[in-house]
Amino acid sequence: MPHRNLDRLLVTLDVAVEAFAICEVRRGYRLVGKPSNSIEVRYVLAGTMFLMVPGAPTVICGPGSIVIVSPNTPQVITADDGPAVDVAASENCKMTRDGLLLFDASQDGAGNLRVVCGLIVASFSGSFGLLDQIKEPLVADLSDIDVVRHALSIMLDEINGPKLGTRALTAALMKTCLVMLLRRHFESSEPHSVFLADAQYPRLGKAVVAMLDKPAAVKTVASLVAVAGMSRSVFARDFQDSFAMSPMQFVAKTRLHHVAELLRSSDVSIKVIAASIGFASRSHFSRAFRAAYGNDSRNFRKTVTKPEIDATRPLRGSRGDFGLAEEPEDM
């Protein structure tokens, strides 16, 4: 898909990155984590990370590298490729004073490898299929990009000396680095990208742009088929393969994404917004919006200026915390 089309998709990347953990690993130890039900991102701050997941080659990356790992993937992290003693992440975990978890495979806190970990958390509109195709770790060395290098340096300073807002600042820097990773991947990926399946179907690009640019104007699958220049059956099949949803489901997500952005950024009445985006009736819009966002549009508008993530509240449970099931002890 041409870069101009991918740029439109990146605009819809309605996700946040929750900073949730630090991994400290010493040579001779392996940090073993249970599967998480979330997409995880790992940022290498110091040392060399050897990341092993089932069915994929070992990922080896140094400082400035970022790795995205798909959900439900067991992971093992080491600081070298020599013999190592297994250390269960869930049994070697403490809460730091800034609310981050510390998974410690260093035994004395002096690890050779330091990695900060985040969870990709999507709203309803989410990533429009961009992140759903990841089947194996996606890695990029971004140490040559100034903004990433500075961001990781700030993360390292914040983690070394936690203070008010450390976790919130780390999460914001993580999101910036994530976008840079996606940019690098799209600019350098081969036609059959393991990350974006629709790269195999370039004719879908025209239809996707039509949906993203003018979702209110898209009324039927037939209109999209005409734009793409494909048969209806082939278009429907390829679109489903690429985005794991039907074309009209994608249109609905796009419309609601536009609605949410207008509610965030303008004082235009909800009735006018709903009509301008292509909803036939206010009741139809209300049902769709509530089903998507778990709230009605009026209350959504009142709360969108508040942070979606409480950066002062420690994350608990099975939300990507390396299999941790119970609240860890305080550090």
C-alpha atoms as a PDB file:
ATOM      1  CA  MET A   1       0.000   0.000   0.000  1.00  0.00           C
ATOM      2  CA  PRO A   2       1.450   3.434  -0.894  1.00  0.00           C
ATOM      3  CA  HIS A   3       2.898   5.434   1.991  1.00  0.00           C
ATOM      4  CA  ARG A   4       0.279   8.176   1.623  1.00  0.00           C
ATOM      5  CA  ASN A   5      -2.405   5.586   2.348  1.00  0.00           C
ATOM      6  CA  LEU A   6      -0.491   4.172   5.297  1.00  0.00           C
ATOM      7  CA  ASP A   7      -0.163   7.686   6.651  1.00  0.00           C
ATOM      8  CA  ARG A   8      -3.939   7.941   6.748  1.00  0.00           C
ATOM      9  CA  LEU A   9      -4.070   4.673   8.679  1.00  0.00           C
ATOM     10  CA  LEU A  10      -1.451   5.898  11.143  1.00  0.00           C
ATOM     11  CA  VAL A  11      -3.650   8.906  11.872  1.00  0.00           C
ATOM     12  CA  THR A  12      -6.282   6.441  13.097  1.00  0.00           C
ATOM     13  CA  LEU A  13      -3.841   4.729  15.466  1.00  0.00           C
ATOM     14  CA  ASP A  14      -6.071   5.414  18.457  1.00  0.00           C
ATOM     15  CA  VAL A  15      -4.019   3.531  21.013  1.00  0.00           C
ATOM     16  CA  ALA A  16      -2.139   4.309  24.181  1.00  0.00           C
ATOM     17  CA  VAL A  17       0.947   2.651  25.580  1.00  0.00           C
ATOM     18  CA  GLU A  18       0.821   1.828  29.299  1.00  0.00           C
ATOM     19  CA  ALA A  19       4.228   1.707  30.924  1.00  0.00           C
ATOM     20  CA  PHE A  20       3.975  -1.209  33.328  1.00  0.00           C
ATOM     21  CA  ALA A  21       7.315  -2.858  34.036  1.00  0.00           C
ATOM     22  CA  ILE A  22      11.091  -2.800  34.065  1.00  0.00           C
ATOM     23  CA  CYS A  23      13.088  -5.957  33.382  1.00  0.00           C
ATOM     24  CA  GLU A  24      16.578  -6.279  34.888  1.00  0.00           C
ATOM     25  CA  VAL A  25      18.506  -9.314  33.650  1.00  0.00           C
ATOM     26  CA  ARG A  26      22.026 -10.402  34.511  1.00  0.00           C
ATOM     27  CA  ARG A  27      24.182 -12.610  32.305  1.00  0.00           C
ATOM     28  CA  GLY A  28      23.692 -16.230  33.226  1.00  0.00           C
ATOM     29  CA  TYR A  29      19.991 -15.829  34.017  1.00  0.00           C
ATOM     30  CA  ARG A  30      16.853 -16.179  31.894  1.00  0.00           C
ATOM     31  CA  LEU A  31      13.717 -14.223  32.757  1.00  0.00           C
ATOM     32  CA  VAL A  32      10.790 -16.504  31.926  1.00  0.00           C
ATOM     33  CA  GLY A  33       7.390 -14.893  31.448  1.00  0.00           C
ATOM     34  CA  LYS A  34       3.932 -16.362  31.020  1.00  0.00           C
ATOM     35  CA  PRO A  35       1.734 -15.355  28.057  1.00  0.00           C
ATOM     36  CA  SER A  36      -0.033 -12.006  28.236  1.00  0.00           C
ATOM     37  CA  ASN A  37      -3.419 -11.253  26.710  1.00  0.00           C
ATOM     38  CA  SER A  38      -2.193  -7.872  25.436  1.00  0.00           C
ATOM     39  CA  ILE A  39       0.181  -6.684  22.731  1.00  0.00           C
ATOM     40  CA  GLU A  40       3.447  -5.853  24.487  1.00  0.00           C
ATOM     41  CA  VAL A  41       6.233  -3.477  23.515  1.00  0.00           C
ATOM     42  CA  ARG A  42       9.768  -3.779  24.836  1.00  0.00           C
ATOM     43  CA  TYR A  43      12.242  -0.885  24.749  1.00  0.00           C
ATOM     44  CA  VAL A  44      15.913  -1.785  25.235  1.00  0.00           C
ATOM     45  CA  LEU A  45      17.549   0.895  27.377  1.00  0.00           C
ATOM     46  CA  ALA A  46      20.877  -0.796  28.146  1.00  0.00           C
ATOM     47  CA  GLY A  47      22.624  -4.037  27.235  1.00  0.00           C
ATOM     48  CA  THR A  48      21.764  -6.591  24.563  1.00  0.00           C
ATOM     49  CA  MET A  49      18.421  -8.390  24.702  1.00  0.00           C
ATOM     50  CA  PHE A  50      17.969 -11.967  23.528  1.00  0.00           C
ATOM     51  CA  LEU A  51      14.215 -12.535  23.220  1.00  0.00           C
ATOM     52  CA  MET A  52      12.923 -16.045  22.581  1.00  0.00           C
ATOM     53  CA  VAL A  53       9.337 -16.914  21.658  1.00  0.00           C
ATOM     54  CA  PRO A  54       7.959 -20.210  20.307  1.00  0.00           C
ATOM     55  CA  GLY A  55       8.141 -20.684  16.551  1.00  0.00           C
ATOM     56  CA  ALA A  56      10.376 -17.699  15.778  1.00  0.00           C
ATOM     57  CA  PRO A  57      14.131 -17.056  15.576  1.00  0.00           C
ATOM     58  CA  THR A  58      15.761 -15.502  18.627  1.00  0.00           C
ATOM     59  CA  VAL A  59      15.516 -11.711  18.498  1.00  0.00           C
ATOM     60  CA  ILE A  60      18.850 -10.070  19.326  1.00  0.00           C
ATOM     61  CA  CYS A  61      18.829  -6.306  19.763  1.00  0.00           C
ATOM     62  CA  GLY A  62      20.790  -3.587  21.503  1.00  0.00           C
ATOM     63  CA  PRO A  63      20.059  -0.199  23.067  1.00  0.00           C
ATOM     64  CA  GLY A  64      17.646   1.880  21.019  1.00  0.00           C
ATOM     65  CA  SER A  65      15.770  -1.164  19.764  1.00  0.00           C
ATOM     66  CA  ILE A  66      12.027  -1.685  20.146  1.00  0.00           C
ATOM     67  CA  VAL A  67      10.182  -4.989  19.880  1.00  0.00           C
ATOM     68  CA  ILE A  68       6.431  -5.589  19.540  1.00  0.00           C
ATOM     69  CA  VAL A  69       5.224  -8.991  20.743  1.00  0.00           C
ATOM     70  CA  SER A  70       1.816 -10.431  19.888  1.00  0.00           C
ATOM     71  CA  PRO A  71      -0.678 -11.442  22.604  1.00  0.00           C
ATOM     72  CA  ASN A  72      -0.652 -14.879  24.215  1.00  0.00           C
ATOM     73  CA  THR A  73       3.036 -15.403  23.493  1.00  0.00           C
ATOM     74  CA  PRO A  74       5.325 -17.015  26.111  1.00  0.00           C
ATOM     75  CA  GLN A  75       8.605 -15.105  26.311  1.00  0.00           C
ATOM     76  CA  VAL A  76      12.111 -15.694  27.616  1.00  0.00           C
ATOM     77  CA  ILE A  77      14.577 -12.812  27.957  1.00  0.00           C
ATOM     78  CA  THR A  78      18.320 -13.160  28.505  1.00  0.00           C
ATOM     79  CA  ALA A  79      21.327 -10.843  28.437  1.00  0.00           C
ATOM     80  CA  ASP A  80      23.538 -13.259  26.483  1.00  0.00           C
ATOM     81  CA  ASP A  81      23.362 -16.524  24.554  1.00  0.00           C
ATOM     82  CA  GLY A  82      25.255 -18.681  27.043  1.00  0.00           C
ATOM     83  CA  PRO A  83      23.981 -21.231  29.576  1.00  0.00           C
ATOM     84  CA  ALA A  84      21.494 -19.661  31.969  1.00  0.00           C
ATOM     85  CA  VAL A  85      19.405 -20.330  35.056  1.00  0.00           C
ATOM     86  CA  ASP A  86      15.658 -19.865  34.636  1.00  0.00           C
ATOM     87  CA  VAL A  87      14.061 -17.160  36.783  1.00  0.00           C
ATOM     88  CA  ALA A  88      10.252 -17.011  36.841  1.00  0.00           C
ATOM     89  CA  ALA A  89       9.096 -13.435  36.320  1.00  0.00           C
ATOM     90  CA  SER A  90       6.011 -13.875  38.503  1.00  0.00           C
ATOM     91  CA  GLU A  91       8.135 -15.073  41.431  1.00  0.00           C
ATOM     92  CA  ASN A  92      10.737 -12.316  41.176  1.00  0.00           C
ATOM     93  CA  CYS A  93       8.642  -9.183  41.007  1.00  0.00           C
ATOM     94  CA  LYS A  94       8.416  -6.057  43.142  1.00  0.00           C
ATOM     95  CA  MET A  95       6.553  -2.771  42.892  1.00  0.00           C
ATOM     96  CA  THR A  96       8.767   0.292  42.527  1.00  0.00           C
ATOM     97  CA  ARG A  97       7.849   3.597  44.106  1.00  0.00           C
ATOM     98  CA  ASP A  98       6.740   5.066  40.774  1.00  0.00           C
ATOM     99  CA  GLY A  99       4.126   2.321  40.297  1.00  0.00           C
ATOM    100  CA  LEU A 100       6.094   0.263  37.795  1.00  0.00           C
ATOM    101  CA  LEU A 101       6.729  -3.424  38.311  1.00  0.00           C
ATOM    102  CA  LEU A 102      10.322  -4.641  38.509  1.00  0.00           C
ATOM    103  CA  PHE A 103      10.972  -8.127  37.133  1.00  0.00           C
ATOM    104  CA  ASP A 104      14.384  -8.927  38.562  1.00  0.00           C
ATOM    105  CA  ALA A 105      16.645 -11.589  37.094  1.00  0.00           C
ATOM    106  CA  SER A 106      19.787  -9.840  38.293  1.00  0.00           C
ATOM    107  CA  GLN A 107      19.751 -11.204  41.868  1.00  0.00           C
ATOM    108  CA  ASP A 108      21.290  -8.030  43.248  1.00  0.00           C
ATOM    109  CA  GLY A 109      19.731  -5.277  41.129  1.00  0.00           C
ATOM    110  CA  ALA A 110      22.824  -4.887  38.934  1.00  0.00           C
ATOM    111  CA  GLY A 111      21.677  -6.346  35.642  1.00  0.00           C
ATOM    112  CA  ASN A 112      23.529  -6.310  32.335  1.00  0.00           C
ATOM    113  CA  LEU A 113      20.253  -5.758  30.488  1.00  0.00           C
ATOM    114  CA  ARG A 114      17.564  -3.199  31.238  1.00  0.00           C
ATOM    115  CA  VAL A 115      14.284  -3.165  29.335  1.00  0.00           C
ATOM    116  CA  VAL A 116      11.184  -1.069  29.932  1.00  0.00           C
ATOM    117  CA  CYS A 117       7.920  -2.738  28.956  1.00  0.00           C
ATOM    118  CA  GLY A 118       4.573  -1.373  27.850  1.00  0.00           C
ATOM    119  CA  LEU A 119       1.131  -2.608  26.883  1.00  0.00           C
ATOM    120  CA  ILE A 120      -0.609  -1.381  23.747  1.00  0.00           C
ATOM    121  CA  VAL A 121      -4.121  -0.433  24.798  1.00  0.00           C
ATOM    122  CA  ALA A 122      -6.593   0.311  22.011  1.00  0.00           C
ATOM    123  CA  SER A 123      -9.853   2.201  22.129  1.00  0.00           C
ATOM    124  CA  PHE A 124     -12.792   0.862  20.111  1.00  0.00           C
ATOM    125  CA  SER A 125     -11.461   2.390  16.914  1.00  0.00           C
ATOM    126  CA  GLY A 126      -8.079   0.999  17.883  1.00  0.00           C
ATOM    127  CA  SER A 127      -5.573   0.499  15.106  1.00  0.00           C
ATOM    128  CA  PHE A 128      -7.958  -0.304  12.217  1.00  0.00           C
ATOM    129  CA  GLY A 129      -6.265  -3.658  11.726  1.00  0.00           C
ATOM    130  CA  LEU A 130      -2.688  -2.371  11.755  1.00  0.00           C
ATOM    131  CA  LEU A 131      -1.744  -4.202  14.938  1.00  0.00           C
ATOM    132  CA  ASP A 132      -3.921  -7.266  14.510  1.00  0.00           C
ATOM    133  CA  GLN A 133      -1.685  -9.010  11.979  1.00  0.00           C
ATOM    134  CA  ILE A 134       1.376  -9.420  14.199  1.00  0.00           C
ATOM    135  CA  LYS A 135       2.179 -13.117  14.476  1.00  0.00           C
ATOM    136  CA  GLU A 136       5.872 -12.949  15.368  1.00  0.00           C
ATOM    137  CA  PRO A 137       8.012 -10.317  17.104  1.00  0.00           C
ATOM    138  CA  LEU A 138       8.441  -7.108  15.132  1.00  0.00           C
ATOM    139  CA  VAL A 139      11.801  -5.514  15.898  1.00  0.00           C
ATOM    140  CA  ALA A 140      13.525  -2.342  14.765  1.00  0.00           C
ATOM    141  CA  ASP A 141      16.801  -0.700  15.749  1.00  0.00           C
ATOM    142  CA  LEU A 142      15.901   2.981  16.072  1.00  0.00           C
ATOM    143  CA  SER A 143      19.113   4.109  17.754  1.00  0.00           C
ATOM    144  CA  ASP A 144      19.940   6.242  14.709  1.00  0.00           C
ATOM    145  CA  ILE A 145      16.789   8.363  15.161  1.00  0.00           C
ATOM    146  CA  ASP A 146      17.431  11.393  17.375  1.00  0.00           C
ATOM    147  CA  VAL A 147      13.934  11.607  18.840  1.00  0.00           C
ATOM    148  CA  VAL A 148      13.987   7.925  19.825  1.00  0.00           C
ATOM    149  CA  ARG A 149      17.489   8.134  21.260  1.00  0.00           C
ATOM    150  CA  HIS A 150      16.517  11.144  23.365  1.00  0.00           C
ATOM    151  CA  ALA A 151      13.233   9.527  24.424  1.00  0.00           C
ATOM    152  CA  LEU A 152      14.981   6.374  25.621  1.00  0.00           C
ATOM    153  CA  SER A 153      17.588   8.462  27.423  1.00  0.00           C
ATOM    154  CA  ILE A 154      14.834  10.315  29.278  1.00  0.00           C
ATOM    155  CA  MET A 155      13.126   7.016  30.131  1.00  0.00           C
ATOM    156  CA  LEU A 156      16.386   5.707  31.575  1.00  0.00           C
ATOM    157  CA  ASP A 157      16.878   8.854  33.670  1.00  0.00           C
ATOM    158  CA  GLU A 158      13.293   8.697  34.935  1.00  0.00           C
ATOM    159  CA  ILE A 159      13.590   5.035  35.887  1.00  0.00           C
ATOM    160  CA  ASN A 160      16.923   5.606  37.635  1.00  0.00           C
ATOM    161  CA  GLY A 161      15.420   8.467  39.640  1.00  0.00           C
ATOM    162  CA  PRO A 162      11.624   8.130  39.784  1.00  0.00           C
ATOM    163  CA  LYS A 163       9.669  11.259  40.574  1.00  0.00           C
ATOM    164  CA  LEU A 164       6.173  12.659  40.215  1.00  0.00           C
ATOM    165  CA  GLY A 165       4.812  11.810  36.765  1.00  0.00           C
ATOM    166  CA  THR A 166       7.532   9.302  35.836  1.00  0.00           C
ATOM    167  CA  ARG A 167       5.084   6.670  34.673  1.00  0.00           C
ATOM    168  CA  ALA A 168       2.920   9.100  32.697  1.00  0.00           C
ATOM    169  CA  LEU A 169       5.967  10.620  30.990  1.00  0.00           C
ATOM    170  CA  THR A 170       7.370   7.192  30.178  1.00  0.00           C
ATOM    171  CA  ALA A 171       4.062   6.145  28.600  1.00  0.00           C
ATOM    172  CA  ALA A 172       3.978   9.279  26.422  1.00  0.00           C
ATOM    173  CA  LEU A 173       7.542   8.676  25.234  1.00  0.00           C
ATOM    174  CA  MET A 174       6.662   5.052  24.497  1.00  0.00           C
ATOM    175  CA  LYS A 175       3.826   6.132  22.191  1.00  0.00           C
ATOM    176  CA  THR A 176       6.186   8.446  20.309  1.00  0.00           C
ATOM    177  CA  CYS A 177       8.697   5.639  19.834  1.00  0.00           C
ATOM    178  CA  LEU A 178       5.943   3.255  18.725  1.00  0.00           C
ATOM    179  CA  VAL A 179       4.939   5.600  15.907  1.00  0.00           C
ATOM    180  CA  MET A 180       8.583   5.896  14.856  1.00  0.00           C
ATOM    181  CA  LEU A 181       8.832   2.095  14.785  1.00  0.00           C
ATOM    182  CA  LEU A 182       5.779   1.853  12.533  1.00  0.00           C
ATOM    183  CA  ARG A 183       7.170   4.538  10.244  1.00  0.00           C
ATOM    184  CA  ARG A 184      10.496   2.712   9.961  1.00  0.00           C
ATOM    185  CA  HIS A 185       8.763  -0.593   9.305  1.00  0.00           C
ATOM    186  CA  PHE A 186       6.491   0.756   6.585  1.00  0.00           C
ATOM    187  CA  GLU A 187       9.350   2.565   4.871  1.00  0.00           C
ATOM    188  CA  SER A 188      11.619  -0.473   4.808  1.00  0.00           C
ATOM    189  CA  SER A 189       9.310  -3.502   4.753  1.00  0.00           C
ATOM    190  CA  GLU A 190       9.187  -5.905   1.835  1.00  0.00           C
ATOM    191  CA  PRO A 191       5.940  -6.399  -0.097  1.00  0.00           C
ATOM    192  CA  HIS A 192       4.874  -9.317   2.096  1.00  0.00           C
ATOM    193  CA  SER A 193       5.097  -7.543   5.425  1.00  0.00           C
ATOM    194  CA  VAL A 194       4.528  -9.791   8.442  1.00  0.00           C
ATOM    195  CA  PHE A 195       2.945  -6.772  10.078  1.00  0.00           C
ATOM    196  CA  LEU A 196       0.506  -5.388   7.551  1.00  0.00           C
ATOM    197  CA  ALA A 197      -1.290  -8.064   5.587  1.00  0.00           C
ATOM    198  CA  ASP A 198      -2.995  -5.640   3.216  1.00  0.00           C
ATOM    199  CA  ALA A 199       0.391  -4.884   1.642  1.00  0.00           C
ATOM    200  CA  GLN A 200      -0.368  -8.032  -0.341  1.00  0.00           C
ATOM    201  CA  TYR A 201      -3.513  -6.422  -1.751  1.00  0.00           C
ATOM    202  CA  PRO A 202      -2.510  -2.949  -3.033  1.00  0.00           C
ATOM    203  CA  ARG A 203      -5.849  -2.367  -4.782  1.00  0.00           C
ATOM    204  CA  LEU A 204      -7.526  -2.230  -1.397  1.00  0.00           C
ATOM    205  CA  GLY A 205      -5.648   1.010  -0.781  1.00  0.00           C
ATOM    206  CA  LYS A 206      -8.015   3.134  -2.849  1.00  0.00           C
ATOM    207  CA  ALA A 207     -11.043   1.793  -0.996  1.00  0.00           C
ATOM    208  CA  VAL A 208      -9.380   2.270   2.393  1.00  0.00           C
ATOM    209  CA  VAL A 209      -8.560   5.888   1.579  1.00  0.00           C
ATOM    210  CA  ALA A 210     -12.160   6.480   0.482  1.00  0.00           C
ATOM    211  CA  MET A 211     -13.389   5.118   3.810  1.00  0.00           C
ATOM    212  CA  LEU A 212     -10.935   7.110   5.899  1.00  0.00           C
ATOM    213  CA  ASP A 213     -11.335  10.387   4.024  1.00  0.00           C
ATOM    214  CA  LYS A 214     -15.110  10.435   3.578  1.00  0.00           C
ATOM    215  CA  PRO A 215     -16.765   7.737   5.702  1.00  0.00           C
ATOM    216  CA  ALA A 216     -20.160   9.450   5.466  1.00  0.00           C
ATOM    217  CA  ALA A 217     -20.136   9.078   1.686  1.00  0.00           C
ATOM    218  CA  VAL A 218     -19.680   5.301   1.788  1.00  0.00           C
ATOM    219  CA  LYS A 219     -23.137   3.746   1.671  1.00  0.00           C
ATOM    220  CA  THR A 220     -22.629   0.272   0.198  1.00  0.00           C
ATOM    221  CA  VAL A 221     -19.994  -2.361  -0.475  1.00  0.00           C
ATOM    222  CA  ALA A 222     -20.743  -1.885  -4.176  1.00  0.00           C
ATOM    223  CA  SER A 223     -19.393   1.663  -4.039  1.00  0.00           C
ATOM    224  CA  LEU A 224     -16.149   0.406  -2.489  1.00  0.00           C
ATOM    225  CA  VAL A 225     -15.852  -2.377  -5.050  1.00  0.00           C
ATOM    226  CA  ALA A 226     -16.099   0.224  -7.803  1.00  0.00           C
ATOM    227  CA  VAL A 227     -13.349   2.325  -6.225  1.00  0.00           C
ATOM    228  CA  ALA A 228     -11.048  -0.681  -5.801  1.00  0.00           C
ATOM    229  CA  GLY A 229     -11.720  -2.059  -9.277  1.00  0.00           C
ATOM    230  CA  MET A 230     -12.208  -5.578  -7.955  1.00  0.00           C
ATOM    231  CA  SER A 231     -14.985  -8.126  -8.026  1.00  0.00           C
ATOM    232  CA  ARG A 232     -17.273  -8.074  -5.005  1.00  0.00           C
ATOM    233  CA  SER A 233     -16.274 -11.543  -3.804  1.00  0.00           C
ATOM    234  CA  VAL A 234     -12.529 -10.953  -4.173  1.00  0.00           C
ATOM    235  CA  PHE A 235     -12.776  -7.534  -2.524  1.00  0.00           C
ATOM    236  CA  ALA A 236     -14.716  -8.913   0.454  1.00  0.00           C
ATOM    237  CA  ARG A 237     -12.308 -11.837   0.871  1.00  0.00           C
ATOM    238  CA  ASP A 238      -9.125  -9.767   0.604  1.00  0.00           C
ATOM    239  CA  PHE A 239     -10.477  -7.078   2.908  1.00  0.00           C
ATOM    240  CA  GLN A 240     -11.420  -9.642   5.552  1.00  0.00           C
ATOM    241  CA  ASP A 241      -7.974 -11.228   5.254  1.00  0.00           C
ATOM    242  CA  SER A 242      -6.283  -7.857   5.706  1.00  0.00           C
ATOM    243  CA  PHE A 243      -8.311  -6.222   8.458  1.00  0.00           C
ATOM    244  CA  ALA A 244     -10.108  -9.122  10.172  1.00  0.00           C
ATOM    245  CA  MET A 245     -13.443  -7.391   9.630  1.00  0.00           C
ATOM    246  CA  SER A 246     -15.898  -6.737   6.819  1.00  0.00           C
ATOM    247  CA  PRO A 247     -15.697  -3.538   4.739  1.00  0.00           C
ATOM    248  CA  MET A 248     -18.858  -2.094   6.317  1.00  0.00           C
ATOM    249  CA  GLN A 249     -17.601  -2.886   9.807  1.00  0.00           C
ATOM    250  CA  PHE A 250     -14.494  -0.900   8.915  1.00  0.00           C
ATOM    251  CA  VAL A 251     -16.714   1.951   7.711  1.00  0.00           C
ATOM    252  CA  ALA A 252     -18.627   1.903  11.002  1.00  0.00           C
ATOM    253  CA  LYS A 253     -15.393   2.015  13.005  1.00  0.00           C
ATOM    254  CA  THR A 254     -14.153   4.885  10.852  1.00  0.00           C
ATOM    255  CA  ARG A 255     -17.347   6.869  11.368  1.00  0.00           C
ATOM    256  CA  LEU A 256     -17.246   6.404  15.119  1.00  0.00           C
ATOM    257  CA  HIS A 257     -13.560   7.322  15.189  1.00  0.00           C
ATOM    258  CA  HIS A 258     -14.386  10.578  13.393  1.00  0.00           C
ATOM    259  CA  VAL A 259     -17.246  11.205  15.822  1.00  0.00           C
ATOM    260  CA  ALA A 260     -14.961  10.691  18.816  1.00  0.00           C
ATOM    261  CA  GLU A 261     -12.385  13.104  17.376  1.00  0.00           C
ATOM    262  CA  LEU A 262     -15.057  15.757  16.778  1.00  0.00           C
ATOM    263  CA  LEU A 263     -16.398  15.301  20.297  1.00  0.00           C
ATOM    264  CA  ARG A 264     -12.872  15.763  21.643  1.00  0.00           C
ATOM    265  CA  SER A 265     -11.970  18.775  19.543  1.00  0.00           C
ATOM    266  CA  SER A 266     -15.143  20.776  18.868  1.00  0.00           C
ATOM    267  CA  ASP A 267     -18.339  22.130  20.385  1.00  0.00           C
ATOM    268  CA  VAL A 268     -20.491  21.127  17.412  1.00  0.00           C
ATOM    269  CA  SER A 269     -23.789  19.651  18.550  1.00  0.00           C
ATOM    270  CA  ILE A 270     -23.986  15.878  18.761  1.00  0.00           C
ATOM    271  CA  LYS A 271     -26.982  15.844  16.428  1.00  0.00           C
ATOM    272  CA  VAL A 272     -25.053  17.690  13.718  1.00  0.00           C
ATOM    273  CA  ILE A 273     -21.984  15.485  14.180  1.00  0.00           C
ATOM    274  CA  ALA A 274     -24.016  12.284  13.884  1.00  0.00           C
ATOM    275  CA  ALA A 275     -25.751  13.473  10.721  1.00  0.00           C
ATOM    276  CA  SER A 276     -22.556  14.748   9.096  1.00  0.00           C
ATOM    277  CA  ILE A 277     -20.732  11.460   9.672  1.00  0.00           C
ATOM    278  CA  GLY A 278     -23.407   9.417   7.936  1.00  0.00           C
ATOM    279  CA  PHE A 279     -25.718   8.006  10.607  1.00  0.00           C
ATOM    280  CA  ALA A 280     -29.295   7.756   9.383  1.00  0.00           C
ATOM    281  CA  SER A 281     -30.871   8.555  12.746  1.00  0.00           C
ATOM    282  CA  ARG A 282     -29.915   9.833  16.188  1.00  0.00           C
ATOM    283  CA  SER A 283     -31.089   6.584  17.792  1.00  0.00           C
ATOM    284  CA  HIS A 284     -28.958   4.489  15.429  1.00  0.00           C
ATOM    285  CA  PHE A 285     -25.959   6.649  16.236  1.00  0.00           C
ATOM    286  CA  SER A 286     -26.600   6.479  19.989  1.00  0.00           C
ATOM    287  CA  ARG A 287     -26.787   2.694  19.999  1.00  0.00           C
ATOM    288  CA  ALA A 288     -23.638   2.316  17.906  1.00  0.00           C
ATOM    289  CA  PHE A 289     -21.640   4.806  19.970  1.00  0.00           C
ATOM    290  CA  ARG A 290     -22.625   3.282  23.301  1.00  0.00           C
ATOM    291  CA  ALA A 291     -21.820  -0.222  22.045  1.00  0.00           C
ATOM    292  CA  ALA A 292     -18.396   0.966  20.900  1.00  0.00           C
ATOM    293  CA  TYR A 293     -17.290   3.209  23.749  1.00  0.00           C
ATOM    294  CA  GLY A 294     -19.376   1.922  26.656  1.00  0.00           C
ATOM    295  CA  ASN A 295     -20.805   5.383  27.237  1.00  0.00           C
ATOM    296  CA  ASP A 296     -23.209   7.771  25.565  1.00  0.00           C
ATOM    297  CA  SER A 297     -21.777  10.557  23.428  1.00  0.00           C
ATOM    298  CA  ARG A 298     -22.747  13.329  25.853  1.00  0.00           C
ATOM    299  CA  ASN A 299     -20.916  11.778  28.796  1.00  0.00           C
ATOM    300  CA  PHE A 300     -18.012  10.825  26.526  1.00  0.00           C
ATOM    301  CA  ARG A 301     -17.573  14.482  25.570  1.00  0.00           C
ATOM    302  CA  LYS A 302     -17.525  15.474  29.249  1.00  0.00           C
ATOM    303  CA  THR A 303     -14.813  12.988  30.122  1.00  0.00           C
ATOM    304  CA  VAL A 304     -12.494  12.971  27.101  1.00  0.00           C
ATOM    305  CA  THR A 305     -10.281  15.664  28.549  1.00  0.00           C
ATOM    306  CA  LYS A 306      -9.505  13.389  31.499  1.00  0.00           C
ATOM    307  CA  PRO A 307      -6.664  10.856  31.182  1.00  0.00           C
ATOM    308  CA  GLU A 308      -7.858   7.432  30.134  1.00  0.00           C
ATOM    309  CA  ILE A 309      -5.089   5.829  32.164  1.00  0.00           C
ATOM    310  CA  ASP A 310      -4.463   6.600  35.815  1.00  0.00           C
ATOM    311  CA  ALA A 311      -0.702   6.923  35.733  1.00  0.00           C
ATOM    312  CA  THR A 312      -0.485   6.844  39.539  1.00  0.00           C
ATOM    313  CA  ARG A 313      -2.346   3.527  39.908  1.00  0.00           C
ATOM    314  CA  PRO A 314      -0.198   0.397  39.736  1.00  0.00           C
ATOM    315  CA  LEU A 315      -1.277  -2.129  37.156  1.00  0.00           C
ATOM    316  CA  ARG A 316      -2.363  -5.464  38.552  1.00  0.00           C
ATOM    317  CA  GLY A 317      -3.774  -8.771  37.405  1.00  0.00           C
ATOM    318  CA  SER A 318      -3.220 -10.371  34.025  1.00  0.00           C
ATOM    319  CA  ARG A 319      -2.897  -7.187  31.979  1.00  0.00           C
ATOM    320  CA  GLY A 320       0.391  -8.077  30.377  1.00  0.00           C
ATOM    321  CA  ASP A 321       2.311  -8.276  33.625  1.00  0.00           C
ATOM    322  CA  PHE A 322       4.435 -11.252  32.546  1.00  0.00           C
ATOM    323  CA  GLY A 323       1.909 -13.690  33.980  1.00  0.00           C
ATOM    324  CA  LEU A 324       1.727 -12.037  37.410  1.00  0.00           C
ATOM    325  CA  ALA A 325      -1.564 -12.964  39.071  1.00  0.00           C
ATOM    326  CA  GLU A 326      -1.246 -11.434  42.515  1.00  0.00           C
ATOM    327  CA  GLU A 327      -0.313  -8.010  43.808  1.00  0.00           C
ATOM    328  CA  PRO A 328       3.455  -7.892  44.325  1.00  0.00           C
ATOM    329  CA  GLU A 329       5.129  -6.719  47.473  1.00  0.00           C
ATOM    330  CA  ASP A 330       6.209  -3.089  47.681  1.00  0.00           C
ATOM    331  CA  MET A 331       9.816  -2.342  47.086  1.00  0.00           C
END
